[in-house]
Structures are given as C-alpha cells and as structure tokens.
C-alpha cells in the first residue's frame, strides 16, 4: 500500500483491523524486519490494526527533498494522522525508530496513546558494552550479521537473511547520511506519561541499556526490562519474552 504525504510517497503494509498500532523499524532496513519480529508478538490479539511503514530513505519510501530528521518526523506525523483517520494510536519502535517515536509522542501527545521502545536509540547513549557472541561458532554469515546478533545460530542467520538483508539492499545510503547529519529533534528529550514499555538487551553493543534504564525513573507509566542473553537483535533473539511484554503493554494501553 502507498500513501502520498506531501512530496513523499510512503510505502506500508498493514494487518488486522481495529485500534491502530504504528510499528517503526530501525535504520538501514525496511518494514520486513519489524513485521517479521512483531507480528508474532501480536499473535492472538483481536481488534488491533498493525501498520508497518518504510521510513523515508529505506525500503520503497524515497527521501527526495528530505534533509533532516525533522523532515522525516513531519512525514511520519502526517502519515500517522492520515492512516489512522485521526484516531488515537500506539507506537512500537525498534532501534532508530524510537528516535522518531519519542518525538511523535511529544508533538502529538493527545494522539499517541502508548509507546513501546525496543532496544531504543536514545539521546544519552552511554556505557555501551563490547560485542560478544554467546551462542554459535561466531563464524556464520557476513560481518553485519556477526556484529548485530549475539546468538549466532543457523536459525538466527536464516532470520537475518530473510528479514534484514532484503531491506538493507534497498536502503538509500546517501539519503540516510544526509538525514543523519541533521539528526537532532527538538522534542527528543520530552518525558512521556502514558502507558510505556522499554526493553533493552544487556549485551546490546549498538545502543547499550543504561539510557533505557534511565526512563524507569522519568516515566511513571513505564515497564522497563533489561534482558540477559540478548543484544541489539533482541526482537529476533527473545521472541517469546518480547511477546509477553508486548501483550501486557497492549492491555495497559487499551
């Protein structure tokens, strides 16, 4: 499906019907990774419409004329308004998707009824651990796989090749670089007082977990979990636990 938002044609897929859930993927991939990881987390849940857009510069959504994260945020806010027909919605975001999810919640506080941030890229990233493999020989796959996953089994390699690699091939590196040079968003430090879920991997060598834990003190309505045995690819590596946490958050944000 496609929706024209200003000069940007946003490609997206959706499943189900009912309360809207906007799911934002991370950097350098497309909706297929988020879809593959989060659809199982929604399994058995009725009355939920899951919407997976390709972020500008990734997948089949071009970033022509977009020069900053603020430009992307404008597109996402208008996309959300239109695809939900103004109905309140919740946002699930992985990695860099959380950067935009937080800003959307700050800008559209009356519309965003819940936030779930998984391995979030936050402004005050620090204490990032060194990458280490906890399962597998460490010699499977390509370099990106080996740096992304801490569980490097044939099953995880298959997930990477099916759900991650296809989106990587479509990424507009020039557009991502241009937007990344103007990455700051004025709303990014805002607090959120709605139902929230923050999940971090203890072994996340990309964004760490310390900044995510900070939100437990700042967000009264948040469940914050640091998961052992998982890295930045936590949605792949801990699907059953993620499903339980997502299901609990959905009930709280209903």
Protein backbone atom coordinates (compact mmCIF):
# COMPACT_ATOMS: atom_id res chain seq x y z
CA UNK A 1 0.00 0.00 0.00
CA UNK A 2 1.06 3.59 -0.56
CA UNK A 3 0.03 6.95 0.84
CA UNK A 4 1.11 10.31 -0.59
CA UNK A 5 2.32 12.59 2.21
CA UNK A 6 3.34 15.92 0.74
CA UNK A 7 6.08 15.10 -1.75
CA UNK A 8 6.78 11.72 -0.14
CA UNK A 9 5.07 8.52 -1.23
CA UNK A 10 5.09 6.33 1.89
CA UNK A 11 5.00 2.59 1.29
CA UNK A 12 3.46 0.49 4.07
CA UNK A 13 1.76 -2.80 4.83
CA UNK A 14 -0.91 -3.49 7.41
CA UNK A 15 -2.59 -6.44 9.10
CA UNK A 16 -5.78 -6.77 11.08
CA UNK A 17 -8.47 -4.26 11.95
CA UNK A 18 -9.27 -2.15 14.97
CA UNK A 19 -7.12 0.05 17.18
CA UNK A 20 -4.13 1.35 15.17
CA UNK A 21 -0.59 0.31 16.08
CA UNK A 22 2.17 2.07 14.15
CA UNK A 23 5.36 -0.05 14.02
CA UNK A 24 8.64 1.70 13.12
CA UNK A 25 11.72 -0.23 12.03
CA UNK A 26 15.35 0.70 12.66
CA UNK A 27 17.99 2.24 10.40
CA UNK A 28 19.12 0.67 7.15
CA UNK A 29 16.35 -1.92 6.84
CA UNK A 30 12.65 -1.75 5.95
CA UNK A 31 9.26 -2.82 7.26
CA UNK A 32 10.02 -6.51 6.72
CA UNK A 33 12.27 -6.81 9.76
CA UNK A 34 9.71 -5.15 12.05
CA UNK A 35 6.89 -7.17 10.50
CA UNK A 36 8.76 -10.44 10.93
CA UNK A 37 9.62 -9.69 14.57
CA UNK A 38 6.44 -8.06 15.83
CA UNK A 39 3.65 -9.91 14.04
CA UNK A 40 4.31 -12.97 16.25
CA UNK A 41 4.15 -10.65 19.28
CA UNK A 42 0.63 -9.61 18.26
CA UNK A 43 -0.50 -13.18 17.54
CA UNK A 44 -3.87 -13.96 19.06
CA UNK A 45 -4.69 -10.32 19.76
CA UNK A 46 -8.00 -9.20 18.33
CA UNK A 47 -9.06 -5.67 17.44
CA UNK A 48 -5.58 -4.39 16.60
CA UNK A 49 -4.60 -2.94 13.22
CA UNK A 50 -0.82 -3.15 12.74
CA UNK A 51 0.69 -0.60 10.33
CA UNK A 52 4.29 -1.03 9.13
CA UNK A 53 5.67 1.88 7.05
CA UNK A 54 9.02 2.00 5.29
CA UNK A 55 10.78 5.02 6.77
CA UNK A 56 11.98 7.65 4.25
CA UNK A 57 15.20 6.60 2.54
CA UNK A 58 14.55 2.95 3.28
CA UNK A 59 12.55 0.21 1.63
CA UNK A 60 10.24 1.62 -1.02
CA UNK A 61 9.82 5.07 0.57
CA UNK A 62 12.10 7.60 -1.10
CA UNK A 63 13.55 10.57 0.79
CA UNK A 64 13.64 13.07 -2.05
CA UNK A 65 13.67 16.58 -0.60
CA UNK A 66 14.11 15.37 2.98
CA UNK A 67 17.31 16.71 4.55
CA UNK A 68 16.94 16.13 8.28
CA UNK A 69 15.32 14.01 10.96
CA UNK A 70 12.88 16.88 11.46
CA UNK A 71 11.76 16.48 7.85
CA UNK A 72 11.22 12.75 8.41
CA UNK A 73 9.29 13.49 11.60
CA UNK A 74 6.95 15.80 9.68
CA UNK A 75 6.25 13.00 7.20
CA UNK A 76 5.64 10.42 9.92
CA UNK A 77 3.30 12.65 11.91
CA UNK A 78 1.19 13.44 8.86
CA UNK A 79 1.27 9.80 7.77
CA UNK A 80 0.02 8.73 11.19
CA UNK A 81 -2.74 11.33 11.19
CA UNK A 82 -3.99 10.25 7.80
CA UNK A 83 -3.60 6.48 8.02
CA UNK A 84 -5.42 6.41 11.36
CA UNK A 85 -8.06 8.99 10.28
CA UNK A 86 -7.28 10.94 13.44
CA UNK A 87 -7.91 8.00 15.79
CA UNK A 88 -5.56 7.67 18.79
CA UNK A 89 -2.82 5.12 18.15
CA UNK A 90 0.09 3.42 19.85
CA UNK A 91 3.64 3.17 18.56
CA UNK A 92 6.09 0.28 18.65
CA UNK A 93 9.63 1.17 17.59
CA UNK A 94 12.93 -0.66 17.30
CA UNK A 95 16.34 1.00 17.49
CA UNK A 96 16.47 4.26 15.49
CA UNK A 97 12.71 4.08 15.06
CA UNK A 98 12.48 5.06 18.73
CA UNK A 99 14.10 8.42 17.91
CA UNK A 100 11.05 9.29 15.83
CA UNK A 101 8.54 7.57 18.11
CA UNK A 102 9.58 9.73 21.06
CA UNK A 103 9.30 12.91 19.01
CA UNK A 104 5.90 11.86 17.66
CA UNK A 105 4.65 11.31 21.21
CA UNK A 106 5.94 14.73 22.27
CA UNK A 107 4.44 16.52 19.28
CA UNK A 108 1.14 14.60 19.21
CA UNK A 109 0.65 13.77 22.89
CA UNK A 110 -3.13 13.58 22.59
CA UNK A 111 -2.87 11.10 19.68
CA UNK A 112 -0.14 8.73 20.92
CA UNK A 113 -1.86 6.52 23.48
CA UNK A 114 1.11 4.24 24.21
CA UNK A 115 4.80 3.76 23.43
CA UNK A 116 6.82 0.54 23.20
CA UNK A 117 10.54 1.12 22.59
CA UNK A 118 12.70 -1.91 21.87
CA UNK A 119 16.49 -1.50 22.02
CA UNK A 120 15.88 2.24 21.63
CA UNK A 121 18.37 4.73 20.22
CA UNK A 122 18.11 7.49 22.84
CA UNK A 123 19.88 10.87 23.13
CA UNK A 124 22.08 9.96 26.11
CA UNK A 125 23.57 6.65 24.94
CA UNK A 126 26.50 5.60 27.14
CA UNK A 127 28.22 2.60 28.75
CA UNK A 128 27.82 0.52 25.59
CA UNK A 129 29.31 -2.95 26.16
CA UNK A 130 31.69 -4.66 23.80
CA UNK A 131 30.08 -7.08 21.39
CA UNK A 132 30.35 -10.74 22.30
CA UNK A 133 28.82 -13.92 20.95
CA UNK A 134 27.02 -16.13 23.47
CA UNK A 135 25.78 -18.89 21.15
CA UNK A 136 27.22 -20.27 17.95
CA UNK A 137 30.70 -20.53 16.50
CA UNK A 138 31.00 -16.84 15.62
CA UNK A 139 31.89 -17.54 12.00
CA UNK A 140 28.43 -17.75 10.39
CA UNK A 141 27.12 -15.16 7.98
CA UNK A 142 28.56 -11.84 6.92
CA UNK A 143 30.22 -9.16 9.04
CA UNK A 144 26.98 -7.26 9.64
CA UNK A 145 25.26 -10.40 10.94
CA UNK A 146 28.18 -11.18 13.22
CA UNK A 147 28.14 -7.62 14.65
CA UNK A 148 24.35 -7.49 15.03
CA UNK A 149 23.45 -10.81 16.65
CA UNK A 150 24.88 -12.22 19.87
CA UNK A 151 23.02 -15.50 19.23
CA UNK A 152 24.65 -16.67 16.01
CA UNK A 153 22.89 -19.91 15.23
CA UNK A 154 21.66 -21.15 11.84
CA UNK A 155 18.13 -20.14 12.87
CA UNK A 156 19.22 -16.55 13.55
CA UNK A 157 21.19 -16.44 10.30
CA UNK A 158 18.08 -17.53 8.44
CA UNK A 159 16.06 -14.75 10.07
CA UNK A 160 18.75 -12.23 9.18
CA UNK A 161 18.85 -13.31 5.55
CA UNK A 162 15.04 -13.33 5.20
CA UNK A 163 14.05 -10.28 7.23
CA UNK A 164 17.05 -7.95 7.36
CA UNK A 165 19.12 -8.33 4.20
CA UNK A 166 16.33 -7.57 1.67
CA UNK A 167 15.73 -4.17 3.27
CA UNK A 168 19.43 -3.42 3.50
CA UNK A 169 19.68 -3.82 -0.26
CA UNK A 170 17.07 -1.09 -0.79
CA UNK A 171 18.48 1.47 1.66
CA UNK A 172 19.42 4.85 0.17
CA UNK A 173 22.77 5.37 1.88
CA UNK A 174 23.14 8.92 0.59
CA UNK A 175 19.74 9.95 1.93
CA UNK A 176 20.37 8.27 5.27
CA UNK A 177 23.70 10.04 5.56
CA UNK A 178 22.15 13.40 4.69
CA UNK A 179 19.39 12.97 7.27
CA UNK A 180 21.85 11.66 9.85
CA UNK A 181 23.90 14.85 9.62
CA UNK A 182 20.88 16.73 10.98
CA UNK A 183 19.62 14.11 13.39
CA UNK A 184 18.61 16.16 16.43
CA UNK A 185 14.93 16.69 17.13
CA UNK A 186 13.73 19.43 19.50
CA UNK A 187 11.20 17.04 21.05
CA UNK A 188 13.63 14.21 21.73
CA UNK A 189 14.17 14.90 25.46
CA UNK A 190 10.50 15.16 26.36
CA UNK A 191 9.06 12.89 29.04
CA UNK A 192 6.13 10.57 28.32
CA UNK A 193 3.45 9.85 30.91
CA UNK A 194 1.32 7.33 29.02
CA UNK A 195 1.50 3.51 29.13
CA UNK A 196 5.00 2.63 28.03
CA UNK A 197 7.26 -0.36 27.54
CA UNK A 198 11.03 -0.10 27.24
CA UNK A 199 13.03 -3.25 26.50
CA UNK A 200 16.82 -3.35 26.23
CA UNK A 201 19.33 -6.10 25.64
CA UNK A 202 22.00 -6.40 28.30
CA UNK A 203 24.51 -7.31 25.59
CA UNK A 204 23.45 -4.56 23.16
CA UNK A 205 26.72 -3.31 21.66
CA UNK A 206 24.93 -0.74 19.49
CA UNK A 207 23.00 1.39 22.00
CA UNK A 208 23.63 -0.30 25.35
CA UNK A 209 20.97 -0.42 28.06
CA UNK A 210 21.92 2.34 30.52
CA UNK A 211 19.96 5.11 28.77
CA UNK A 212 16.90 2.87 28.56
CA UNK A 213 17.04 2.16 32.30
CA UNK A 214 17.05 5.91 32.99
CA UNK A 215 13.48 6.05 31.68
CA UNK A 216 12.28 3.95 34.63
CA UNK A 217 12.86 6.97 36.88
CA UNK A 218 11.41 9.53 34.45
CA UNK A 219 8.35 7.71 33.09
CA UNK A 220 5.84 6.82 35.79
CA UNK A 221 3.79 4.60 33.46
CA UNK A 222 6.67 2.55 32.08
CA UNK A 223 7.64 -1.09 32.37
CA UNK A 224 11.40 -1.25 31.80
CA UNK A 225 13.12 -4.58 31.17
CA UNK A 226 16.80 -5.36 30.63
CA UNK A 227 17.02 -8.78 29.04
CA UNK A 228 20.03 -11.03 29.56
CA UNK A 229 21.18 -13.16 26.65
CA UNK A 230 20.15 -10.63 24.02
CA UNK A 231 21.78 -7.82 22.07
CA UNK A 232 20.50 -5.25 19.60
CA UNK A 233 18.76 -8.06 17.73
CA UNK A 234 16.61 -8.79 20.79
CA UNK A 235 13.36 -8.97 18.77
CA UNK A 236 14.89 -11.92 16.91
CA UNK A 237 16.69 -13.49 19.85
CA UNK A 238 13.96 -13.31 22.55
CA UNK A 239 10.63 -13.54 20.69
CA UNK A 240 8.65 -15.30 23.43
CA UNK A 241 9.63 -12.83 26.13
CA UNK A 242 9.02 -9.92 23.78
CA UNK A 243 5.54 -11.23 23.04
CA UNK A 244 4.67 -11.44 26.73
CA UNK A 245 5.86 -7.89 27.33
CA UNK A 246 4.06 -6.52 24.26
CA UNK A 247 0.82 -8.27 25.24
CA UNK A 248 0.98 -6.78 28.75
CA UNK A 249 1.66 -3.31 27.31
CA UNK A 250 -1.24 -3.61 24.86
CA UNK A 251 -3.59 -4.39 27.73
CA UNK A 252 -2.32 -1.38 29.69
CA UNK A 253 -2.64 0.95 26.71
CA UNK A 254 -6.13 -0.18 25.69
